């Protein structure tokens, strides 16, 4: 069995499915049967001013929320443009090996934010700063709670901001199959960027922890699907 076949990213499908299932159950348990989300939100909330003090902080709201996100989105579109141009006419200096891996990254840059933002646009869950307990008008609901009649959708689940960075985990494919340990480090670093962006939003009162964790889960699931679709080409260009 080749190194690529036995790697964590495109290894046996049943292991990937079991891993996704186990992690989904854990995140669901964390959100439904613990108060971790509320405890963390309480930590960042100032009960005296009835606000999240970091909501309008320049570092969190302008630099990390706005400019970093814009830079990552622009980087993603640049990669997609390169892949499109290369698909029409192969660009010089791009080997078959690199071409396949660029396509995996480009698809990840497209689908991870797209899927997460689409789910978010249909979500009824509200952001912490919109909840009654934090000075807003919306009731606090967990993911599986019944939705009260007439409730205005909050459009705040999962964490959309984190998705702008989570797709960076796809760069791990550039180190497969030869360097699986380095690929894992790149994978975790990419996820770390998205998780950091999600944490910034939690500090600002824009999301709960499980919002970010579900975004991470969705990103990993999409990346695994994309790698499955390119598994043969990844092998043949190794």
Protein backbone atom coordinates (compact mmCIF):
# COMPACT_ATOMS: atom_id res chain seq x y z
CA UNK A 1 0.00 0.00 0.00
CA UNK A 2 1.43 3.35 -0.97
CA UNK A 3 2.14 6.10 1.51
CA UNK A 4 -0.64 8.18 -0.01
CA UNK A 5 -3.19 5.40 0.35
CA UNK A 6 -2.31 4.96 4.01
CA UNK A 7 -2.19 8.67 4.81
CA UNK A 8 -4.65 10.32 7.16
CA UNK A 9 -6.05 12.58 4.45
CA UNK A 10 -6.94 10.05 1.79
CA UNK A 11 -6.73 6.85 3.78
CA UNK A 12 -9.42 4.18 4.22
CA UNK A 13 -12.85 5.79 3.86
CA UNK A 14 -14.34 4.00 6.87
CA UNK A 15 -11.74 5.57 9.15
CA UNK A 16 -12.55 9.05 7.84
CA UNK A 17 -16.29 8.46 8.25
CA UNK A 18 -15.86 7.12 11.78
CA UNK A 19 -13.66 10.07 12.69
CA UNK A 20 -16.17 12.57 11.36
CA UNK A 21 -19.04 10.79 13.10
CA UNK A 22 -17.25 10.66 16.45
CA UNK A 23 -16.24 14.32 16.29
CA UNK A 24 -19.77 15.37 15.26
CA UNK A 25 -21.25 13.53 18.24
CA UNK A 26 -18.74 15.21 20.55
CA UNK A 27 -19.51 18.72 19.26
CA UNK A 28 -23.23 17.98 19.46
CA UNK A 29 -22.86 16.77 23.06
CA UNK A 30 -20.80 19.85 23.93
CA UNK A 31 -23.46 22.19 22.62
CA UNK A 32 -26.57 20.34 23.76
CA UNK A 33 -25.62 18.94 27.16
CA UNK A 34 -23.04 21.35 28.57
CA UNK A 35 -23.00 25.10 29.16
CA UNK A 36 -19.54 25.59 27.70
CA UNK A 37 -20.80 28.06 25.10
CA UNK A 38 -22.49 30.22 27.71
CA UNK A 39 -19.63 30.02 30.18
CA UNK A 40 -17.17 31.29 27.60
CA UNK A 41 -19.54 34.01 26.38
CA UNK A 42 -20.09 35.10 30.00
CA UNK A 43 -16.34 35.42 30.36
CA UNK A 44 -16.13 37.94 27.51
CA UNK A 45 -19.30 39.82 28.49
CA UNK A 46 -19.29 42.84 30.81
CA UNK A 47 -22.48 42.70 32.93
CA UNK A 48 -22.10 46.28 34.10
CA UNK A 49 -22.08 47.87 30.65
CA UNK A 50 -24.18 45.03 29.19
CA UNK A 51 -21.78 44.79 26.25
CA UNK A 52 -18.95 42.72 24.86
CA UNK A 53 -16.05 45.16 25.35
CA UNK A 54 -14.05 43.74 22.44
CA UNK A 55 -16.90 44.09 19.96
CA UNK A 56 -15.58 47.37 18.52
CA UNK A 57 -11.93 46.95 19.47
CA UNK A 58 -9.73 47.97 16.51
CA UNK A 59 -7.51 44.89 16.61
CA UNK A 60 -10.44 42.48 16.76
CA UNK A 61 -13.05 44.25 14.65
CA UNK A 62 -11.01 46.13 12.05
CA UNK A 63 -7.71 44.31 11.63
CA UNK A 64 -8.53 40.66 12.39
CA UNK A 65 -12.20 40.67 11.38
CA UNK A 66 -12.02 42.92 8.33
CA UNK A 67 -8.53 43.17 6.85
CA UNK A 68 -7.28 39.67 7.56
CA UNK A 69 -10.49 38.20 6.18
CA UNK A 70 -10.29 40.39 3.06
CA UNK A 71 -6.68 39.31 2.49
CA UNK A 72 -7.52 35.61 2.80
CA UNK A 73 -10.54 35.93 0.52
CA UNK A 74 -8.42 37.75 -2.08
CA UNK A 75 -5.75 35.05 -1.81
CA UNK A 76 -8.39 32.38 -2.37
CA UNK A 77 -9.76 34.11 -5.45
CA UNK A 78 -6.24 34.53 -6.80
CA UNK A 79 -5.62 30.79 -6.49
CA UNK A 80 -8.93 30.01 -8.17
CA UNK A 81 -8.07 32.38 -11.02
CA UNK A 82 -4.69 30.68 -11.50
CA UNK A 83 -6.36 27.26 -11.61
CA UNK A 84 -8.97 28.43 -14.13
CA UNK A 85 -6.35 29.97 -16.42
CA UNK A 86 -4.18 26.86 -16.11
CA UNK A 87 -7.16 24.65 -16.98
CA UNK A 88 -7.66 26.61 -20.22
CA UNK A 89 -3.98 26.66 -21.13
CA UNK A 90 -1.36 25.00 -18.97
CA UNK A 91 0.82 27.66 -17.38
CA UNK A 92 4.59 27.18 -17.66
CA UNK A 93 6.39 26.05 -14.54
CA UNK A 94 3.42 24.17 -13.07
CA UNK A 95 4.07 20.43 -13.00
CA UNK A 96 1.33 17.81 -13.18
CA UNK A 97 1.90 17.08 -9.50
CA UNK A 98 1.52 20.70 -8.47
CA UNK A 99 -1.42 21.23 -10.83
CA UNK A 100 -3.55 18.56 -9.11
CA UNK A 101 -2.73 19.90 -5.67
CA UNK A 102 -3.51 23.47 -6.69
CA UNK A 103 -6.92 22.30 -7.82
CA UNK A 104 -7.57 20.63 -4.47
CA UNK A 105 -6.68 23.88 -2.69
CA UNK A 106 -8.72 26.02 -5.09
CA UNK A 107 -11.83 23.86 -4.69
CA UNK A 108 -11.37 24.03 -0.92
CA UNK A 109 -11.06 27.82 -1.08
CA UNK A 110 -14.36 27.90 -2.96
CA UNK A 111 -16.49 25.28 -1.28
CA UNK A 112 -15.53 25.59 2.39
CA UNK A 113 -16.60 29.26 2.74
CA UNK A 114 -19.51 28.76 0.32
CA UNK A 115 -21.06 25.81 2.14
CA UNK A 116 -20.58 27.34 5.58
CA UNK A 117 -22.01 30.71 4.53
CA UNK A 118 -24.97 29.00 2.85
CA UNK A 119 -25.82 27.05 6.01
CA UNK A 120 -25.37 30.23 8.05
CA UNK A 121 -27.78 32.15 5.83
CA UNK A 122 -30.54 29.64 6.63
CA UNK A 123 -29.82 29.31 10.35
CA UNK A 124 -32.29 30.54 12.98
CA UNK A 125 -29.67 30.66 15.75
CA UNK A 126 -28.73 34.14 16.91
CA UNK A 127 -25.33 35.58 17.76
CA UNK A 128 -24.50 36.00 21.46
CA UNK A 129 -24.68 39.80 21.25
CA UNK A 130 -28.26 39.51 19.94
CA UNK A 131 -29.46 37.33 22.82
CA UNK A 132 -31.68 38.59 25.61
CA UNK A 133 -29.19 37.50 28.25
CA UNK A 134 -26.57 39.76 26.65
CA UNK A 135 -28.69 42.82 26.00
CA UNK A 136 -30.39 41.77 22.75
CA UNK A 137 -33.89 40.59 21.88
CA UNK A 138 -33.44 36.97 20.73
CA UNK A 139 -33.92 33.88 22.93
CA UNK A 140 -31.04 31.49 23.49
CA UNK A 141 -31.49 28.29 21.50
CA UNK A 142 -29.33 25.22 21.20
CA UNK A 143 -28.93 23.50 17.84
CA UNK A 144 -31.65 20.89 18.38
CA UNK A 145 -34.12 23.09 20.27
CA UNK A 146 -37.61 23.63 18.86
CA UNK A 147 -37.90 27.00 17.14
CA UNK A 148 -40.56 29.27 18.69
CA UNK A 149 -43.26 30.37 16.22
CA UNK A 150 -42.53 33.69 14.57
CA UNK A 151 -38.89 33.77 15.65
CA UNK A 152 -36.77 36.01 13.45
CA UNK A 153 -33.83 34.07 12.03
CA UNK A 154 -30.49 35.00 13.57
CA UNK A 155 -28.29 33.76 10.70
CA UNK A 156 -25.40 33.10 13.08
CA UNK A 157 -24.55 29.40 12.79
CA UNK A 158 -21.98 28.09 11.97
CA UNK A 159 -19.09 30.58 12.20
CA UNK A 160 -18.74 32.20 8.80
CA UNK A 161 -15.70 34.32 9.62
CA UNK A 162 -13.64 31.25 10.53
CA UNK A 163 -14.31 29.74 7.10
CA UNK A 164 -12.18 32.44 5.48
CA UNK A 165 -9.14 30.79 7.03
CA UNK A 166 -10.10 27.13 7.42
CA UNK A 167 -9.54 26.33 3.73
CA UNK A 168 -5.81 26.94 4.23
CA UNK A 169 -5.67 23.43 5.71
CA UNK A 170 -5.90 22.13 2.13
CA UNK A 171 -2.27 23.14 1.51
CA UNK A 172 -1.37 19.96 3.36
CA UNK A 173 -1.74 18.03 0.09
CA UNK A 174 1.49 19.56 -1.20
CA UNK A 175 3.43 17.41 1.26
CA UNK A 176 1.64 14.16 0.53
CA UNK A 177 2.57 11.39 0.17
CA UNK A 178 6.27 11.94 0.84
CA UNK A 179 6.04 13.91 4.10
CA UNK A 180 2.84 12.99 5.97
CA UNK A 181 4.10 14.41 9.27
CA UNK A 182 4.78 17.80 7.69
CA UNK A 183 1.44 17.59 5.89
CA UNK A 184 -0.26 17.12 9.24
CA UNK A 185 1.50 20.17 10.65
CA UNK A 186 0.41 22.27 7.66
CA UNK A 187 -3.13 20.90 8.00
CA UNK A 188 -3.29 21.83 11.69
CA UNK A 189 -1.73 25.24 11.03
CA UNK A 190 -4.35 25.97 8.38
CA UNK A 191 -7.14 24.96 10.72
CA UNK A 192 -5.45 27.04 13.41
CA UNK A 193 -5.82 30.19 11.33
CA UNK A 194 -9.55 29.58 10.96
CA UNK A 195 -9.93 28.66 14.63
CA UNK A 196 -8.11 31.85 15.66
CA UNK A 197 -10.49 33.88 13.49
CA UNK A 198 -13.40 32.08 15.16
CA UNK A 199 -12.00 32.82 18.62
CA UNK A 200 -11.73 36.51 17.74
CA UNK A 201 -15.43 36.49 16.93
CA UNK A 202 -16.22 34.69 20.19
CA UNK A 203 -14.35 37.37 22.13
CA UNK A 204 -16.38 40.03 20.28
CA UNK A 205 -19.65 38.26 21.12
CA UNK A 206 -20.38 37.27 17.52
CA UNK A 207 -20.24 33.48 17.96
CA UNK A 208 -20.22 30.63 20.44
CA UNK A 209 -17.45 28.05 20.64
CA UNK A 210 -19.57 25.33 19.02
CA UNK A 211 -20.27 27.63 16.07
CA UNK A 212 -16.55 27.57 15.32
CA UNK A 213 -16.19 23.85 16.01
CA UNK A 214 -18.97 23.02 13.56
CA UNK A 215 -17.27 25.18 10.93
CA UNK A 216 -14.04 23.24 11.49
CA UNK A 217 -15.95 19.97 11.16
CA UNK A 218 -17.60 21.08 7.91
CA UNK A 219 -14.26 22.27 6.51
CA UNK A 220 -12.58 18.93 7.24
CA UNK A 221 -15.49 17.00 5.73
CA UNK A 222 -15.37 19.07 2.53
CA UNK A 223 -11.59 18.73 2.25
CA UNK A 224 -11.83 14.95 2.65
CA UNK A 225 -14.50 14.78 -0.05
CA UNK A 226 -12.39 16.83 -2.44
CA UNK A 227 -9.34 14.64 -1.76
CA UNK A 228 -11.46 11.55 -2.44
CA UNK A 229 -12.48 13.00 -5.78
CA UNK A 230 -8.82 13.55 -6.71
CA UNK A 231 -7.40 10.43 -5.03
CA UNK A 232 -6.35 8.68 -8.25
CA UNK A 233 -4.79 11.79 -9.72
CA UNK A 234 -2.95 12.47 -6.46
CA UNK A 235 -1.53 8.95 -6.62
CA UNK A 236 -0.55 9.14 -10.28
CA UNK A 237 1.22 12.49 -9.86
CA UNK A 238 3.00 11.60 -6.62
